[in-house]
């Protein structure tokens, strides 16, 4: 639903161009055990937009926080490749960061559950 909105397409295009063309600006920490990396923030060439990558995962999933001039000022978006997985616009930076952390924890939990299910399925198949 949100991927069809013109604003989202514009943000995705801006974010994609920014992230892939200017990736060297970020100082990304090495991936940790759970596959997360964190990066710093930078200003885009577009006036009134500041994009911050809050976190990323080994599978290419990343969370962006876009700060705008107009209200609601903070757009938090989880993307994997060209797909927007989740998106929300909020008035407070703290609320946007908390929502992004909640989404990250949920995705980590889902990944762990999937890995456990695959392990159990493999064990069951081997026994049969």
N, C-alpha and C. Protein backbone atom coordinates (compact mmCIF):
# COMPACT_ATOMS: atom_id res chain seq x y z
N UNK A 1 0.82 -1.18 0.00
CA UNK A 1 0.00 0.00 0.00
C UNK A 1 0.87 1.25 0.00
N UNK A 2 1.81 1.36 0.93
CA UNK A 2 2.61 2.58 1.01
C UNK A 2 3.57 2.71 -0.17
N UNK A 3 3.92 1.61 -0.82
CA UNK A 3 4.86 1.68 -1.94
C UNK A 3 4.24 2.32 -3.16
N UNK A 4 2.93 2.42 -3.21
CA UNK A 4 2.25 3.01 -4.37
C UNK A 4 2.16 4.52 -4.28
N UNK A 5 2.29 5.07 -3.10
CA UNK A 5 2.17 6.52 -2.93
C UNK A 5 3.34 7.20 -3.62
N UNK A 6 3.09 8.33 -4.33
CA UNK A 6 4.17 9.01 -5.04
C UNK A 6 5.29 9.47 -4.10
N UNK A 7 4.93 9.88 -2.90
CA UNK A 7 5.96 10.34 -1.95
C UNK A 7 6.89 9.19 -1.60
N UNK A 8 6.34 8.01 -1.42
CA UNK A 8 7.17 6.86 -1.04
C UNK A 8 8.10 6.50 -2.18
N UNK A 9 7.57 6.51 -3.41
CA UNK A 9 8.43 6.21 -4.56
C UNK A 9 9.56 7.22 -4.64
N UNK A 10 9.25 8.49 -4.41
CA UNK A 10 10.28 9.53 -4.45
C UNK A 10 11.30 9.30 -3.35
N UNK A 11 10.83 8.96 -2.15
CA UNK A 11 11.76 8.71 -1.04
C UNK A 11 12.62 7.50 -1.31
N UNK A 12 12.01 6.45 -1.84
CA UNK A 12 12.78 5.25 -2.15
C UNK A 12 13.85 5.57 -3.17
N UNK A 13 13.48 6.35 -4.20
CA UNK A 13 14.45 6.70 -5.22
C UNK A 13 15.57 7.55 -4.63
N UNK A 14 15.20 8.52 -3.80
CA UNK A 14 16.21 9.37 -3.16
C UNK A 14 17.09 8.54 -2.24
N UNK A 15 16.46 7.69 -1.44
CA UNK A 15 17.22 6.87 -0.49
C UNK A 15 18.14 5.91 -1.23
N UNK A 16 17.62 5.27 -2.29
CA UNK A 16 18.43 4.34 -3.05
C UNK A 16 19.62 5.05 -3.68
N UNK A 17 19.35 6.19 -4.32
CA UNK A 17 20.43 6.95 -4.95
C UNK A 17 21.44 7.38 -3.90
N UNK A 18 20.93 7.84 -2.80
CA UNK A 18 21.81 8.30 -1.72
C UNK A 18 22.63 7.15 -1.16
N UNK A 19 21.98 6.04 -0.84
CA UNK A 19 22.69 4.95 -0.20
C UNK A 19 23.68 4.28 -1.13
N UNK A 20 23.33 4.07 -2.38
CA UNK A 20 24.23 3.33 -3.25
C UNK A 20 25.29 4.22 -3.86
N UNK A 21 24.97 5.48 -4.17
CA UNK A 21 25.96 6.37 -4.75
C UNK A 21 26.89 6.98 -3.71
N UNK A 22 26.40 7.16 -2.50
CA UNK A 22 27.17 7.83 -1.46
C UNK A 22 27.48 6.91 -0.28
N UNK A 23 27.49 5.60 -0.50
CA UNK A 23 27.66 4.66 0.59
C UNK A 23 28.98 4.86 1.33
N UNK A 24 29.97 5.39 0.66
CA UNK A 24 31.27 5.58 1.30
C UNK A 24 31.19 6.59 2.44
N UNK A 25 30.17 7.43 2.48
CA UNK A 25 30.03 8.42 3.55
C UNK A 25 29.77 7.75 4.88
N UNK A 26 29.06 6.63 4.87
CA UNK A 26 28.72 5.94 6.11
C UNK A 26 29.93 5.23 6.68
N UNK A 27 30.05 5.26 7.99
CA UNK A 27 31.06 4.44 8.65
C UNK A 27 30.32 3.30 9.33
N UNK A 28 30.23 2.18 8.64
CA UNK A 28 29.41 1.06 9.09
C UNK A 28 30.26 0.16 9.99
N UNK A 29 29.69 -0.21 11.13
CA UNK A 29 30.36 -1.15 12.03
C UNK A 29 30.27 -2.54 11.43
N UNK A 30 31.19 -3.42 11.74
CA UNK A 30 31.10 -4.80 11.24
C UNK A 30 29.82 -5.47 11.74
N UNK A 31 29.36 -6.45 10.99
CA UNK A 31 28.15 -7.16 11.40
C UNK A 31 28.40 -7.90 12.70
N UNK A 32 27.41 -7.86 13.56
CA UNK A 32 27.52 -8.57 14.83
C UNK A 32 26.95 -9.97 14.66
N UNK A 33 26.85 -10.72 15.77
CA UNK A 33 26.36 -12.08 15.72
C UNK A 33 24.97 -12.20 15.14
N UNK A 34 24.10 -11.21 15.42
CA UNK A 34 22.73 -11.29 14.92
C UNK A 34 22.57 -10.61 13.57
N UNK A 35 23.67 -10.26 12.92
CA UNK A 35 23.62 -9.74 11.56
C UNK A 35 23.25 -8.29 11.46
N UNK A 36 23.44 -7.49 12.48
CA UNK A 36 23.07 -6.08 12.45
C UNK A 36 24.31 -5.21 12.29
N UNK A 37 24.14 -4.13 11.55
CA UNK A 37 25.20 -3.13 11.44
C UNK A 37 24.56 -1.77 11.67
N UNK A 38 25.34 -0.85 12.18
CA UNK A 38 24.83 0.49 12.46
C UNK A 38 25.67 1.49 11.70
N UNK A 39 25.08 2.62 11.35
CA UNK A 39 25.79 3.61 10.56
C UNK A 39 25.51 5.01 11.10
N UNK A 40 26.28 5.96 10.61
CA UNK A 40 26.12 7.35 11.03
C UNK A 40 25.17 8.07 10.10
N UNK A 41 24.89 9.31 10.40
CA UNK A 41 23.97 10.11 9.60
C UNK A 41 24.74 11.09 8.72
N UNK A 42 24.07 11.57 7.68
CA UNK A 42 24.66 12.57 6.81
C UNK A 42 23.55 13.36 6.14
N UNK A 43 23.85 14.54 5.63
CA UNK A 43 22.86 15.36 4.93
C UNK A 43 22.90 15.03 3.45
N UNK A 44 21.73 15.03 2.84
CA UNK A 44 21.65 14.80 1.40
C UNK A 44 21.79 16.13 0.68
N UNK A 45 22.01 16.06 -0.61
CA UNK A 45 22.11 17.27 -1.41
C UNK A 45 20.75 17.96 -1.53
N UNK A 46 19.66 17.20 -1.38
CA UNK A 46 18.33 17.77 -1.46
C UNK A 46 18.07 18.62 -0.23
N UNK A 47 17.73 19.90 -0.40
CA UNK A 47 17.50 20.74 0.78
C UNK A 47 16.28 20.27 1.56
N UNK A 48 16.38 20.30 2.87
CA UNK A 48 15.25 19.94 3.72
C UNK A 48 15.14 18.46 4.02
N UNK A 49 16.05 17.63 3.52
CA UNK A 49 16.01 16.20 3.78
C UNK A 49 17.32 15.76 4.45
N UNK A 50 17.19 15.01 5.50
CA UNK A 50 18.34 14.40 6.16
C UNK A 50 18.01 12.92 6.30
N UNK A 51 18.85 12.05 5.77
CA UNK A 51 18.61 10.62 5.82
C UNK A 51 19.62 9.98 6.75
N UNK A 52 19.13 9.14 7.65
CA UNK A 52 19.98 8.43 8.59
C UNK A 52 19.64 6.95 8.50
N UNK A 53 20.65 6.14 8.29
CA UNK A 53 20.41 4.70 8.31
C UNK A 53 20.57 4.25 9.75
N UNK A 54 19.46 3.79 10.35
CA UNK A 54 19.48 3.42 11.76
C UNK A 54 20.09 2.06 11.98
N UNK A 55 19.77 1.10 11.13
CA UNK A 55 20.33 -0.25 11.24
C UNK A 55 20.19 -0.96 9.91
N UNK A 56 20.96 -2.03 9.77
CA UNK A 56 20.85 -2.89 8.59
C UNK A 56 21.16 -4.32 9.00
N UNK A 57 20.72 -5.25 8.17
CA UNK A 57 20.93 -6.67 8.43
C UNK A 57 21.68 -7.29 7.27
N UNK A 58 22.20 -8.49 7.50
CA UNK A 58 22.99 -9.18 6.48
C UNK A 58 22.22 -9.44 5.19
N UNK A 59 20.90 -9.61 5.28
CA UNK A 59 20.09 -9.92 4.09
C UNK A 59 19.75 -8.69 3.26
N UNK A 60 20.28 -7.52 3.64
CA UNK A 60 20.04 -6.30 2.88
C UNK A 60 18.91 -5.46 3.43
N UNK A 61 18.23 -5.92 4.46
CA UNK A 61 17.17 -5.14 5.08
C UNK A 61 17.80 -3.96 5.81
N UNK A 62 17.26 -2.77 5.61
CA UNK A 62 17.78 -1.60 6.30
C UNK A 62 16.65 -0.68 6.74
N UNK A 63 16.91 0.07 7.78
CA UNK A 63 15.92 1.02 8.29
C UNK A 63 16.48 2.42 8.12
N UNK A 64 15.69 3.27 7.46
CA UNK A 64 16.07 4.65 7.21
C UNK A 64 15.19 5.58 8.01
N UNK A 65 15.79 6.64 8.53
CA UNK A 65 15.05 7.71 9.18
C UNK A 65 15.27 8.95 8.36
N UNK A 66 14.19 9.45 7.74
CA UNK A 66 14.27 10.64 6.91
C UNK A 66 13.68 11.80 7.71
N UNK A 67 14.47 12.85 7.88
CA UNK A 67 13.99 14.03 8.60
C UNK A 67 13.66 15.10 7.57
N UNK A 68 12.47 15.66 7.70
CA UNK A 68 11.98 16.66 6.76
C UNK A 68 11.79 18.01 7.43
N UNK A 69 11.52 19.01 6.62
CA UNK A 69 11.23 20.34 7.15
C UNK A 69 9.78 20.41 7.59
N UNK A 70 8.87 19.84 6.79
CA UNK A 70 7.43 19.92 7.09
C UNK A 70 7.00 18.79 8.02
N UNK A 71 5.90 19.03 8.73
CA UNK A 71 5.38 18.03 9.68
C UNK A 71 4.46 17.05 8.95
N UNK A 72 4.37 15.80 9.40
CA UNK A 72 5.21 15.17 10.41
C UNK A 72 6.63 15.04 9.89
N UNK A 73 7.60 15.36 10.73
CA UNK A 73 8.98 15.56 10.31
C UNK A 73 9.77 14.28 10.09
N UNK A 74 9.40 13.18 10.71
CA UNK A 74 10.25 11.99 10.69
C UNK A 74 9.55 10.83 10.00
N UNK A 75 10.19 10.33 8.96
CA UNK A 75 9.68 9.21 8.19
C UNK A 75 10.61 8.04 8.45
N UNK A 76 10.10 6.98 9.07
CA UNK A 76 10.91 5.79 9.34
C UNK A 76 10.46 4.71 8.37
N UNK A 77 11.41 4.07 7.71
CA UNK A 77 11.09 3.16 6.62
C UNK A 77 12.03 1.96 6.67
N UNK A 78 11.49 0.75 6.60
CA UNK A 78 12.29 -0.48 6.53
C UNK A 78 12.20 -0.97 5.09
N UNK A 79 13.37 -1.16 4.47
CA UNK A 79 13.44 -1.57 3.07
C UNK A 79 14.32 -2.80 2.93
N UNK A 80 13.96 -3.64 1.96
CA UNK A 80 14.82 -4.75 1.54
C UNK A 80 14.85 -4.70 0.02
N UNK A 81 15.99 -4.31 -0.51
CA UNK A 81 16.09 -4.11 -1.96
C UNK A 81 15.20 -2.96 -2.37
N UNK A 82 14.31 -3.21 -3.33
CA UNK A 82 13.37 -2.18 -3.78
C UNK A 82 12.06 -2.21 -3.02
N UNK A 83 11.89 -3.18 -2.14
CA UNK A 83 10.62 -3.34 -1.43
C UNK A 83 10.60 -2.55 -0.13
N UNK A 84 9.52 -1.81 0.08
CA UNK A 84 9.29 -1.14 1.36
C UNK A 84 8.51 -2.12 2.22
N UNK A 85 9.12 -2.57 3.32
CA UNK A 85 8.48 -3.55 4.20
C UNK A 85 7.55 -2.86 5.18
N UNK A 86 8.03 -1.80 5.79
CA UNK A 86 7.24 -1.02 6.74
C UNK A 86 7.60 0.45 6.62
N UNK A 87 6.60 1.32 6.90
CA UNK A 87 6.85 2.75 6.84
C UNK A 87 5.85 3.47 7.73
N UNK A 88 6.31 4.55 8.34
CA UNK A 88 5.43 5.38 9.16
C UNK A 88 6.03 6.76 9.27
N UNK A 89 5.17 7.79 9.36
CA UNK A 89 5.62 9.17 9.56
C UNK A 89 5.19 9.61 10.95
N UNK A 90 6.13 10.19 11.67
CA UNK A 90 5.89 10.57 13.06
C UNK A 90 6.36 12.00 13.31
N UNK A 91 5.85 12.59 14.39
CA UNK A 91 6.19 13.96 14.73
C UNK A 91 7.45 14.07 15.59
N UNK A 92 7.82 13.03 16.31
CA UNK A 92 8.95 13.10 17.23
C UNK A 92 10.04 12.11 16.84
N UNK A 93 11.29 12.57 16.90
CA UNK A 93 12.44 11.73 16.57
C UNK A 93 12.51 10.51 17.49
N UNK A 94 12.30 10.72 18.78
CA UNK A 94 12.37 9.62 19.74
C UNK A 94 11.35 8.54 19.44
N UNK A 95 10.15 8.94 19.07
CA UNK A 95 9.10 7.96 18.71
C UNK A 95 9.51 7.18 17.47
N UNK A 96 10.08 7.86 16.49
CA UNK A 96 10.51 7.19 15.26
C UNK A 96 11.64 6.19 15.56
N UNK A 97 12.58 6.58 16.41
CA UNK A 97 13.68 5.68 16.76
C UNK A 97 13.18 4.48 17.56
N UNK A 98 12.22 4.69 18.45
CA UNK A 98 11.66 3.57 19.22
C UNK A 98 10.91 2.61 18.30
N UNK A 99 10.16 3.15 17.35
CA UNK A 99 9.44 2.31 16.41
C UNK A 99 10.41 1.50 15.55
N UNK A 100 11.48 2.13 15.10
CA UNK A 100 12.50 1.44 14.31
C UNK A 100 13.14 0.31 15.12
N UNK A 101 13.41 0.55 16.39
CA UNK A 101 14.00 -0.49 17.24
C UNK A 101 13.02 -1.63 17.45
N UNK A 102 11.73 -1.32 17.60
CA UNK A 102 10.70 -2.36 17.74
C UNK A 102 10.65 -3.21 16.48
N UNK A 103 10.68 -2.56 15.32
CA UNK A 103 10.66 -3.29 14.06
C UNK A 103 11.91 -4.17 13.92
N UNK A 104 13.08 -3.66 14.33
CA UNK A 104 14.31 -4.44 14.27
C UNK A 104 14.21 -5.68 15.15
N UNK A 105 13.74 -5.50 16.38
CA UNK A 105 13.61 -6.63 17.31
C UNK A 105 12.64 -7.67 16.75
N UNK A 106 11.56 -7.22 16.13
CA UNK A 106 10.59 -8.14 15.54
C UNK A 106 11.22 -8.94 14.40
N UNK A 107 11.95 -8.27 13.54
CA UNK A 107 12.60 -8.97 12.42
C UNK A 107 13.64 -9.96 12.91
N UNK A 108 14.42 -9.60 13.93
CA UNK A 108 15.41 -10.52 14.49
C UNK A 108 14.71 -11.74 15.07
N UNK A 109 13.60 -11.52 15.76
CA UNK A 109 12.83 -12.61 16.35
C UNK A 109 12.28 -13.53 15.27
N UNK A 110 11.74 -12.96 14.21
CA UNK A 110 11.19 -13.76 13.11
C UNK A 110 12.29 -14.59 12.46
N UNK A 111 13.47 -13.98 12.26
CA UNK A 111 14.60 -14.72 11.67
C UNK A 111 15.00 -15.89 12.55
N UNK A 112 15.04 -15.67 13.87
CA UNK A 112 15.42 -16.74 14.81
C UNK A 112 14.39 -17.87 14.78
N UNK A 113 13.10 -17.51 14.74
CA UNK A 113 12.04 -18.53 14.69
C UNK A 113 12.13 -19.34 13.40
N UNK A 114 12.39 -18.67 12.28
CA UNK A 114 12.52 -19.37 11.00
C UNK A 114 13.71 -20.33 11.02
N UNK A 115 14.83 -19.87 11.56
CA UNK A 115 16.01 -20.73 11.64
C UNK A 115 15.74 -21.96 12.50
N UNK A 116 15.04 -21.76 13.60
CA UNK A 116 14.69 -22.88 14.48
C UNK A 116 13.75 -23.85 13.77
N UNK A 117 12.77 -23.33 13.04
CA UNK A 117 11.84 -24.19 12.32
C UNK A 117 12.56 -24.99 11.24
N UNK A 118 13.48 -24.36 10.52
CA UNK A 118 14.25 -25.07 9.50
C UNK A 118 15.09 -26.16 10.15
N UNK A 119 15.69 -25.86 11.29
CA UNK A 119 16.50 -26.86 12.01
C UNK A 119 15.64 -28.05 12.41
N UNK A 120 14.43 -27.77 12.94
CA UNK A 120 13.53 -28.86 13.35
C UNK A 120 13.04 -29.66 12.15
N UNK A 121 12.72 -28.97 11.06
CA UNK A 121 12.28 -29.67 9.85
C UNK A 121 13.38 -30.57 9.30
N UNK A 122 14.60 -30.08 9.32
CA UNK A 122 15.74 -30.86 8.84
C UNK A 122 15.94 -32.09 9.71
N UNK A 123 15.85 -31.93 11.01
CA UNK A 123 16.00 -33.05 11.92
C UNK A 123 14.89 -34.08 11.71
N UNK A 124 13.65 -33.63 11.54
CA UNK A 124 12.53 -34.53 11.32
C UNK A 124 12.69 -35.29 10.01
N UNK A 125 13.12 -34.59 8.97
CA UNK A 125 13.31 -35.22 7.66
C UNK A 125 14.43 -36.26 7.72
N UNK A 126 15.48 -35.97 8.46
CA UNK A 126 16.60 -36.90 8.59
C UNK A 126 16.19 -38.16 9.34
N UNK A 127 15.26 -38.05 10.28
CA UNK A 127 14.79 -39.20 11.06
C UNK A 127 13.84 -40.07 10.27
N UNK A 128 13.17 -39.50 9.30
CA UNK A 128 12.15 -40.25 8.55
C UNK A 128 12.73 -41.16 7.51
